[in-house]
Amino acid sequence: MKQRKIITVGNTNGITLDKDVLAHLNAKKGDTIDLFLGEDGSVTFKKHENIQIDGVTKDFLKMVNDTIGEYDEALLNLSKR
């Protein structure tokens, strides 16, 4: 288990990651990290994977991501029915 303190970074809060954590994630400065929030209060994160699908543009994926983000709560509620 690793422990980190929450620090102020500009006008927001953040944490720093040790070299061994970055190596475990195969991540480096500038990479995107995906955060998964558990119902139990846990947070899991992993390096974002850029997946290329033939015929699917970045604009389309952004639109889908924005739509899911906008309707996330409604979609979650529907999935629990």
PDB file of N, CA and C in Angstrom:
ATOM      1  N   MET A   1       0.844  -1.185   0.000  1.00  0.00           N
ATOM      2  CA  MET A   1       0.000   0.000   0.000  1.00  0.00           C
ATOM      3  C   MET A   1       0.883   1.240   0.000  1.00  0.00           C
ATOM      4  N   LYS A   2       0.480   2.219  -0.763  1.00  0.00           N
ATOM      5  CA  LYS A   2       1.178   3.504  -0.814  1.00  0.00           C
ATOM      6  C   LYS A   2       0.255   4.581  -0.269  1.00  0.00           C
ATOM      7  N   GLN A   3       0.823   5.563   0.396  1.00  0.00           N
ATOM      8  CA  GLN A   3       0.044   6.699   0.884  1.00  0.00           C
ATOM      9  C   GLN A   3       0.615   7.976   0.295  1.00  0.00           C
ATOM     10  N   ARG A   4      -0.269   8.862  -0.106  1.00  0.00           N
ATOM     11  CA  ARG A   4       0.125  10.158  -0.634  1.00  0.00           C
ATOM     12  C   ARG A   4      -0.742  11.219   0.013  1.00  0.00           C
ATOM     13  N   LYS A   5      -0.210  12.424   0.173  1.00  0.00           N
ATOM     14  CA  LYS A   5      -0.976  13.547   0.708  1.00  0.00           C
ATOM     15  C   LYS A   5      -1.563  14.349  -0.434  1.00  0.00           C
ATOM     16  N   ILE A   6      -2.731  14.920  -0.191  1.00  0.00           N
ATOM     17  CA  ILE A   6      -3.345  15.816  -1.164  1.00  0.00           C
ATOM     18  C   ILE A   6      -2.646  17.163  -1.057  1.00  0.00           C
ATOM     19  N   ILE A   7      -2.230  17.693  -2.205  1.00  0.00           N
ATOM     20  CA  ILE A   7      -1.511  18.966  -2.238  1.00  0.00           C
ATOM     21  C   ILE A   7      -2.271  19.951  -3.122  1.00  0.00           C
ATOM     22  N   THR A   8      -1.961  21.234  -2.973  1.00  0.00           N
ATOM     23  CA  THR A   8      -2.548  22.263  -3.821  1.00  0.00           C
ATOM     24  C   THR A   8      -1.679  22.438  -5.051  1.00  0.00           C
ATOM     25  N   VAL A   9      -2.330  22.405  -6.222  1.00  0.00           N
ATOM     26  CA  VAL A   9      -1.646  22.610  -7.489  1.00  0.00           C
ATOM     27  C   VAL A   9      -2.409  23.711  -8.211  1.00  0.00           C
ATOM     28  N   GLY A  10      -1.907  24.933  -8.139  1.00  0.00           N
ATOM     29  CA  GLY A  10      -2.634  26.071  -8.702  1.00  0.00           C
ATOM     30  C   GLY A  10      -3.909  26.306  -7.919  1.00  0.00           C
ATOM     31  N   ASN A  11      -5.058  26.265  -8.613  1.00  0.00           N
ATOM     32  CA  ASN A  11      -6.354  26.467  -7.969  1.00  0.00           C
ATOM     33  C   ASN A  11      -7.089  25.160  -7.712  1.00  0.00           C
ATOM     34  N   THR A  12      -6.383  24.045  -7.788  1.00  0.00           N
ATOM     35  CA  THR A  12      -7.017  22.740  -7.617  1.00  0.00           C
ATOM     36  C   THR A  12      -6.194  21.890  -6.653  1.00  0.00           C
ATOM     37  N   ASN A  13      -6.647  20.691  -6.388  1.00  0.00           N
ATOM     38  CA  ASN A  13      -5.923  19.759  -5.526  1.00  0.00           C
ATOM     39  C   ASN A  13      -5.391  18.610  -6.366  1.00  0.00           C
ATOM     40  N   GLY A  14      -4.340  17.977  -5.885  1.00  0.00           N
ATOM     41  CA  GLY A  14      -3.758  16.861  -6.620  1.00  0.00           C
ATOM     42  C   GLY A  14      -2.927  15.987  -5.723  1.00  0.00           C
ATOM     43  N   ILE A  15      -2.419  14.914  -6.297  1.00  0.00           N
ATOM     44  CA  ILE A  15      -1.479  14.037  -5.603  1.00  0.00           C
ATOM     45  C   ILE A  15      -0.291  13.818  -6.531  1.00  0.00           C
ATOM     46  N   THR A  16       0.833  13.472  -5.957  1.00  0.00           N
ATOM     47  CA  THR A  16       2.001  13.123  -6.759  1.00  0.00           C
ATOM     48  C   THR A  16       2.121  11.607  -6.782  1.00  0.00           C
ATOM     49  N   LEU A  17       2.768  11.093  -7.823  1.00  0.00           N
ATOM     50  CA  LEU A  17       2.968   9.653  -7.958  1.00  0.00           C
ATOM     51  C   LEU A  17       4.460   9.362  -8.006  1.00  0.00           C
ATOM     52  N   ASP A  18       4.891   8.391  -7.216  1.00  0.00           N
ATOM     53  CA  ASP A  18       6.291   7.980  -7.200  1.00  0.00           C
ATOM     54  C   ASP A  18       6.683   7.340  -8.531  1.00  0.00           C
ATOM     55  N   LYS A  19       8.000   7.292  -8.785  1.00  0.00           N
ATOM     56  CA  LYS A  19       8.506   6.687 -10.011  1.00  0.00           C
ATOM     57  C   LYS A  19       8.059   5.242 -10.151  1.00  0.00           C
ATOM     58  N   ASP A  20       8.027   4.498  -9.040  1.00  0.00           N
ATOM     59  CA  ASP A  20       7.646   3.089  -9.131  1.00  0.00           C
ATOM     60  C   ASP A  20       6.167   2.923  -9.487  1.00  0.00           C
ATOM     61  N   VAL A  21       5.321   3.849  -9.038  1.00  0.00           N
ATOM     62  CA  VAL A  21       3.901   3.807  -9.400  1.00  0.00           C
ATOM     63  C   VAL A  21       3.751   4.109 -10.892  1.00  0.00           C
ATOM     64  N   LEU A  22       4.455   5.129 -11.373  1.00  0.00           N
ATOM     65  CA  LEU A  22       4.411   5.454 -12.797  1.00  0.00           C
ATOM     66  C   LEU A  22       4.928   4.285 -13.637  1.00  0.00           C
ATOM     67  N   ALA A  23       5.991   3.642 -13.185  1.00  0.00           N
ATOM     68  CA  ALA A  23       6.529   2.494 -13.912  1.00  0.00           C
ATOM     69  C   ALA A  23       5.508   1.352 -13.937  1.00  0.00           C
ATOM     70  N   HIS A  24       4.826   1.138 -12.812  1.00  0.00           N
ATOM     71  CA  HIS A  24       3.805   0.091 -12.739  1.00  0.00           C
ATOM     72  C   HIS A  24       2.660   0.374 -13.713  1.00  0.00           C
ATOM     73  N   LEU A  25       2.306   1.649 -13.868  1.00  0.00           N
ATOM     74  CA  LEU A  25       1.254   2.059 -14.794  1.00  0.00           C
ATOM     75  C   LEU A  25       1.759   2.146 -16.232  1.00  0.00           C
ATOM     76  N   ASN A  26       3.073   2.062 -16.413  1.00  0.00           N
ATOM     77  CA  ASN A  26       3.694   2.323 -17.713  1.00  0.00           C
ATOM     78  C   ASN A  26       3.291   3.717 -18.199  1.00  0.00           C
ATOM     79  N   ALA A  27       3.354   4.691 -17.286  1.00  0.00           N
ATOM     80  CA  ALA A  27       2.919   6.056 -17.566  1.00  0.00           C
ATOM     81  C   ALA A  27       4.066   7.032 -17.351  1.00  0.00           C
ATOM     82  N   LYS A  28       3.918   8.192 -17.974  1.00  0.00           N
ATOM     83  CA  LYS A  28       4.913   9.250 -17.819  1.00  0.00           C
ATOM     84  C   LYS A  28       4.204  10.596 -17.793  1.00  0.00           C
ATOM     85  N   LYS A  29       4.944  11.643 -17.473  1.00  0.00           N
ATOM     86  CA  LYS A  29       4.392  12.988 -17.432  1.00  0.00           C
ATOM     87  C   LYS A  29       3.694  13.296 -18.755  1.00  0.00           C
ATOM     88  N   GLY A  30       2.478  13.824 -18.669  1.00  0.00           N
ATOM     89  CA  GLY A  30       1.710  14.167 -19.852  1.00  0.00           C
ATOM     90  C   GLY A  30       0.703  13.114 -20.277  1.00  0.00           C
ATOM     91  N   ASP A  31       0.849  11.866 -19.771  1.00  0.00           N
ATOM     92  CA  ASP A  31      -0.115  10.817 -20.099  1.00  0.00           C
ATOM     93  C   ASP A  31      -1.444  11.074 -19.404  1.00  0.00           C
ATOM     94  N   THR A  32      -2.507  10.542 -19.963  1.00  0.00           N
ATOM     95  CA  THR A  32      -3.840  10.656 -19.377  1.00  0.00           C
ATOM     96  C   THR A  32      -4.094   9.427 -18.506  1.00  0.00           C
ATOM     97  N   ILE A  33      -4.665   9.665 -17.322  1.00  0.00           N
ATOM     98  CA  ILE A  33      -5.002   8.595 -16.387  1.00  0.00           C
ATOM     99  C   ILE A  33      -6.521   8.554 -16.236  1.00  0.00           C
ATOM    100  N   ASP A  34      -7.096   7.352 -16.359  1.00  0.00           N
ATOM    101  CA  ASP A  34      -8.537   7.166 -16.155  1.00  0.00           C
ATOM    102  C   ASP A  34      -8.800   6.836 -14.692  1.00  0.00           C
ATOM    103  N   LEU A  35      -9.797   7.504 -14.088  1.00  0.00           N
ATOM    104  CA  LEU A  35     -10.181   7.263 -12.699  1.00  0.00           C
ATOM    105  C   LEU A  35     -11.528   6.560 -12.667  1.00  0.00           C
ATOM    106  N   PHE A  36     -11.626   5.525 -11.853  1.00  0.00           N
ATOM    107  CA  PHE A  36     -12.855   4.773 -11.686  1.00  0.00           C
ATOM    108  C   PHE A  36     -13.278   4.893 -10.231  1.00  0.00           C
ATOM    109  N   LEU A  37     -14.463   5.472  -9.988  1.00  0.00           N
ATOM    110  CA  LEU A  37     -14.950   5.710  -8.630  1.00  0.00           C
ATOM    111  C   LEU A  37     -15.833   4.552  -8.206  1.00  0.00           C
ATOM    112  N   GLY A  38     -15.435   3.859  -7.129  1.00  0.00           N
ATOM    113  CA  GLY A  38     -16.209   2.739  -6.607  1.00  0.00           C
ATOM    114  C   GLY A  38     -17.297   3.223  -5.669  1.00  0.00           C
ATOM    115  N   GLU A  39     -18.390   2.470  -5.597  1.00  0.00           N
ATOM    116  CA  GLU A  39     -19.495   2.829  -4.708  1.00  0.00           C
ATOM    117  C   GLU A  39     -19.067   2.813  -3.239  1.00  0.00           C
ATOM    118  N   ASP A  40     -17.996   2.089  -2.935  1.00  0.00           N
ATOM    119  CA  ASP A  40     -17.511   1.992  -1.559  1.00  0.00           C
ATOM    120  C   ASP A  40     -16.555   3.120  -1.185  1.00  0.00           C
ATOM    121  N   GLY A  41     -16.407   4.110  -2.073  1.00  0.00           N
ATOM    122  CA  GLY A  41     -15.510   5.234  -1.809  1.00  0.00           C
ATOM    123  C   GLY A  41     -14.103   5.024  -2.345  1.00  0.00           C
ATOM    124  N   SER A  42     -13.850   3.869  -2.942  1.00  0.00           N
ATOM    125  CA  SER A  42     -12.520   3.604  -3.484  1.00  0.00           C
ATOM    126  C   SER A  42     -12.345   4.291  -4.838  1.00  0.00           C
ATOM    127  N   VAL A  43     -11.103   4.537  -5.195  1.00  0.00           N
ATOM    128  CA  VAL A  43     -10.762   5.104  -6.500  1.00  0.00           C
ATOM    129  C   VAL A  43      -9.684   4.214  -7.112  1.00  0.00           C
ATOM    130  N   THR A  44      -9.939   3.737  -8.308  1.00  0.00           N
ATOM    131  CA  THR A  44      -8.964   2.937  -9.047  1.00  0.00           C
ATOM    132  C   THR A  44      -8.561   3.740 -10.272  1.00  0.00           C
ATOM    133  N   PHE A  45      -7.288   3.719 -10.606  1.00  0.00           N
ATOM    134  CA  PHE A  45      -6.878   4.440 -11.803  1.00  0.00           C
ATOM    135  C   PHE A  45      -5.908   3.613 -12.613  1.00  0.00           C
ATOM    136  N   LYS A  46      -5.941   3.862 -13.935  1.00  0.00           N
ATOM    137  CA  LYS A  46      -5.017   3.196 -14.840  1.00  0.00           C
ATOM    138  C   LYS A  46      -4.703   4.140 -15.993  1.00  0.00           C
ATOM    139  N   LYS A  47      -3.649   3.833 -16.696  1.00  0.00           N
ATOM    140  CA  LYS A  47      -3.256   4.648 -17.839  1.00  0.00           C
ATOM    141  C   LYS A  47      -4.334   4.530 -18.912  1.00  0.00           C
ATOM    142  N   HIS A  48      -4.686   5.659 -19.495  1.00  0.00           N
ATOM    143  CA  HIS A  48      -5.681   5.686 -20.562  1.00  0.00           C
ATOM    144  C   HIS A  48      -5.122   5.009 -21.806  1.00  0.00           C
ATOM    145  N   GLU A  49      -5.929   4.163 -22.428  1.00  0.00           N
ATOM    146  CA  GLU A  49      -5.524   3.490 -23.657  1.00  0.00           C
ATOM    147  C   GLU A  49      -6.219   4.145 -24.842  1.00  0.00           C
ATOM    148  N   ASN A  50      -5.445   4.640 -25.772  1.00  0.00           N
ATOM    149  CA  ASN A  50      -6.005   5.202 -26.998  1.00  0.00           C
ATOM    150  C   ASN A  50      -6.270   4.059 -27.966  1.00  0.00           C
ATOM    151  N   ILE A  51      -7.533   3.781 -28.193  1.00  0.00           N
ATOM    152  CA  ILE A  51      -7.917   2.684 -29.067  1.00  0.00           C
ATOM    153  C   ILE A  51      -8.327   3.259 -30.421  1.00  0.00           C
ATOM    154  N   GLN A  52      -7.748   2.747 -31.464  1.00  0.00           N
ATOM    155  CA  GLN A  52      -8.072   3.180 -32.825  1.00  0.00           C
ATOM    156  C   GLN A  52      -9.010   2.151 -33.447  1.00  0.00           C
ATOM    157  N   ILE A  53     -10.143   2.611 -33.948  1.00  0.00           N
ATOM    158  CA  ILE A  53     -11.105   1.748 -34.625  1.00  0.00           C
ATOM    159  C   ILE A  53     -11.266   2.267 -36.039  1.00  0.00           C
ATOM    160  N   ASP A  54     -11.060   1.401 -37.008  1.00  0.00           N
ATOM    161  CA  ASP A  54     -11.187   1.812 -38.416  1.00  0.00           C
ATOM    162  C   ASP A  54     -12.555   2.413 -38.672  1.00  0.00           C
ATOM    163  N   GLY A  55     -12.585   3.588 -39.304  1.00  0.00           N
ATOM    164  CA  GLY A  55     -13.829   4.235 -39.678  1.00  0.00           C
ATOM    165  C   GLY A  55     -14.455   5.089 -38.585  1.00  0.00           C
ATOM    166  N   VAL A  56     -13.869   5.109 -37.379  1.00  0.00           N
ATOM    167  CA  VAL A  56     -14.411   5.906 -36.278  1.00  0.00           C
ATOM    168  C   VAL A  56     -13.449   7.066 -36.027  1.00  0.00           C
ATOM    169  N   THR A  57     -13.949   8.288 -36.167  1.00  0.00           N
ATOM    170  CA  THR A  57     -13.105   9.469 -36.014  1.00  0.00           C
ATOM    171  C   THR A  57     -13.011   9.903 -34.558  1.00  0.00           C
ATOM    172  N   LYS A  58     -12.003  10.696 -34.264  1.00  0.00           N
ATOM    173  CA  LYS A  58     -11.848  11.251 -32.917  1.00  0.00           C
ATOM    174  C   LYS A  58     -13.026  12.154 -32.572  1.00  0.00           C
ATOM    175  N   ASP A  59     -13.548  12.889 -33.558  1.00  0.00           N
ATOM    176  CA  ASP A  59     -14.703  13.766 -33.318  1.00  0.00           C
ATOM    177  C   ASP A  59     -15.921  12.953 -32.884  1.00  0.00           C
ATOM    178  N   PHE A  60     -16.144  11.814 -33.526  1.00  0.00           N
ATOM    179  CA  PHE A  60     -17.276  10.961 -33.151  1.00  0.00           C
ATOM    180  C   PHE A  60     -17.100  10.426 -31.734  1.00  0.00           C
ATOM    181  N   LEU A  61     -15.894   9.960 -31.411  1.00  0.00           N
ATOM    182  CA  LEU A  61     -15.638   9.441 -30.066  1.00  0.00           C
ATOM    183  C   LEU A  61     -15.817  10.530 -29.017  1.00  0.00           C
ATOM    184  N   LYS A  62     -15.396  11.763 -29.337  1.00  0.00           N
ATOM    185  CA  LYS A  62     -15.586  12.875 -28.403  1.00  0.00           C
ATOM    186  C   LYS A  62     -17.067  13.142 -28.195  1.00  0.00           C
ATOM    187  N   MET A  63     -17.854  13.108 -29.277  1.00  0.00           N
ATOM    188  CA  MET A  63     -19.282  13.329 -29.170  1.00  0.00           C
ATOM    189  C   MET A  63     -19.937  12.255 -28.289  1.00  0.00           C
ATOM    190  N   VAL A  64     -19.551  10.995 -28.487  1.00  0.00           N
ATOM    191  CA  VAL A  64     -20.093   9.907 -27.670  1.00  0.00           C
ATOM    192  C   VAL A  64     -19.698  10.102 -26.215  1.00  0.00           C
ATOM    193  N   ASN A  65     -18.436  10.443 -25.966  1.00  0.00           N
ATOM    194  CA  ASN A  65     -17.962  10.651 -24.604  1.00  0.00           C
ATOM    195  C   ASN A  65     -18.685  11.815 -23.937  1.00  0.00           C
ATOM    196  N   ASP A  66     -18.882  12.911 -24.667  1.00  0.00           N
ATOM    197  CA  ASP A  66     -19.602  14.071 -24.129  1.00  0.00           C
ATOM    198  C   ASP A  66     -21.051  13.715 -23.810  1.00  0.00           C
ATOM    199  N   THR A  67     -21.678  12.952 -24.691  1.00  0.00           N
ATOM    200  CA  THR A  67     -23.074  12.550 -24.482  1.00  0.00           C
ATOM    201  C   THR A  67     -23.208  11.655 -23.264  1.00  0.00           C
ATOM    202  N   ILE A  68     -22.318  10.694 -23.141  1.00  0.00           N
ATOM    203  CA  ILE A  68     -22.345   9.808 -21.969  1.00  0.00           C
ATOM    204  C   ILE A  68     -22.116  10.621 -20.700  1.00  0.00           C
ATOM    205  N   GLY A  69     -21.170  11.566 -20.750  1.00  0.00           N
ATOM    206  CA  GLY A  69     -20.915  12.402 -19.585  1.00  0.00           C
ATOM    207  C   GLY A  69     -22.128  13.233 -19.202  1.00  0.00           C
ATOM    208  N   GLU A  70     -22.835  13.760 -20.201  1.00  0.00           N
ATOM    209  CA  GLU A  70     -24.007  14.594 -19.943  1.00  0.00           C
ATOM    210  C   GLU A  70     -25.161  13.787 -19.345  1.00  0.00           C
ATOM    211  N   TYR A  71     -25.319  12.558 -19.803  1.00  0.00           N
ATOM    212  CA  TYR A  71     -26.446  11.729 -19.365  1.00  0.00           C
ATOM    213  C   TYR A  71     -26.009  10.572 -18.463  1.00  0.00           C
ATOM    214  N   ASP A  72     -24.837  10.701 -17.855  1.00  0.00           N
ATOM    215  CA  ASP A  72     -24.265   9.628 -17.040  1.00  0.00           C
ATOM    216  C   ASP A  72     -25.217   9.156 -15.944  1.00  0.00           C
ATOM    217  N   GLU A  73     -25.764  10.079 -15.180  1.00  0.00           N
ATOM    218  CA  GLU A  73     -26.648   9.707 -14.073  1.00  0.00           C
ATOM    219  C   GLU A  73     -27.896   8.979 -14.582  1.00  0.00           C
ATOM    220  N   ALA A  74     -28.492   9.493 -15.647  1.00  0.00           N
ATOM    221  CA  ALA A  74     -29.686   8.852 -16.211  1.00  0.00           C
ATOM    222  C   ALA A  74     -29.362   7.454 -16.722  1.00  0.00           C
ATOM    223  N   LEU A  75     -28.214   7.309 -17.397  1.00  0.00           N
ATOM    224  CA  LEU A  75     -27.822   6.001 -17.912  1.00  0.00           C
ATOM    225  C   LEU A  75     -27.558   5.018 -16.781  1.00  0.00           C
ATOM    226  N   LEU A  76     -26.901   5.489 -15.713  1.00  0.00           N
ATOM    227  CA  LEU A  76     -26.661   4.626 -14.553  1.00  0.00           C
ATOM    228  C   LEU A  76     -27.967   4.175 -13.916  1.00  0.00           C
ATOM    229  N   ASN A  77     -28.921   5.099 -13.777  1.00  0.00           N
ATOM    230  CA  ASN A  77     -30.217   4.756 -13.195  1.00  0.00           C
ATOM    231  C   ASN A  77     -30.953   3.734 -14.060  1.00  0.00           C
ATOM    232  N   LEU A  78     -30.891   3.889 -15.378  1.00  0.00           N
ATOM    233  CA  LEU A  78     -31.534   2.933 -16.276  1.00  0.00           C
ATOM    234  C   LEU A  78     -30.887   1.553 -16.169  1.00  0.00           C
ATOM    235  N   SER A  79     -29.567   1.518 -15.985  1.00  0.00           N
ATOM    236  CA  SER A  79     -28.881   0.227 -15.909  1.00  0.00           C
ATOM    237  C   SER A  79     -29.213  -0.530 -14.626  1.00  0.00           C
ATOM    238  N   LYS A  80     -29.709   0.173 -13.609  1.00  0.00           N
ATOM    239  CA  LYS A  80     -30.040  -0.457 -12.326  1.00  0.00           C
ATOM    240  C   LYS A  80     -31.472  -0.979 -12.294  1.00  0.00           C
ATOM    241  N   ARG A  81     -32.252  -0.749 -13.347  1.00  0.00           N
ATOM    242  CA  ARG A  81     -33.646  -1.202 -13.383  1.00  0.00           C
ATOM    243  C   ARG A  81     -33.746  -2.648 -13.715  1.00  0.00           C
TER     244      ARG A  81
END
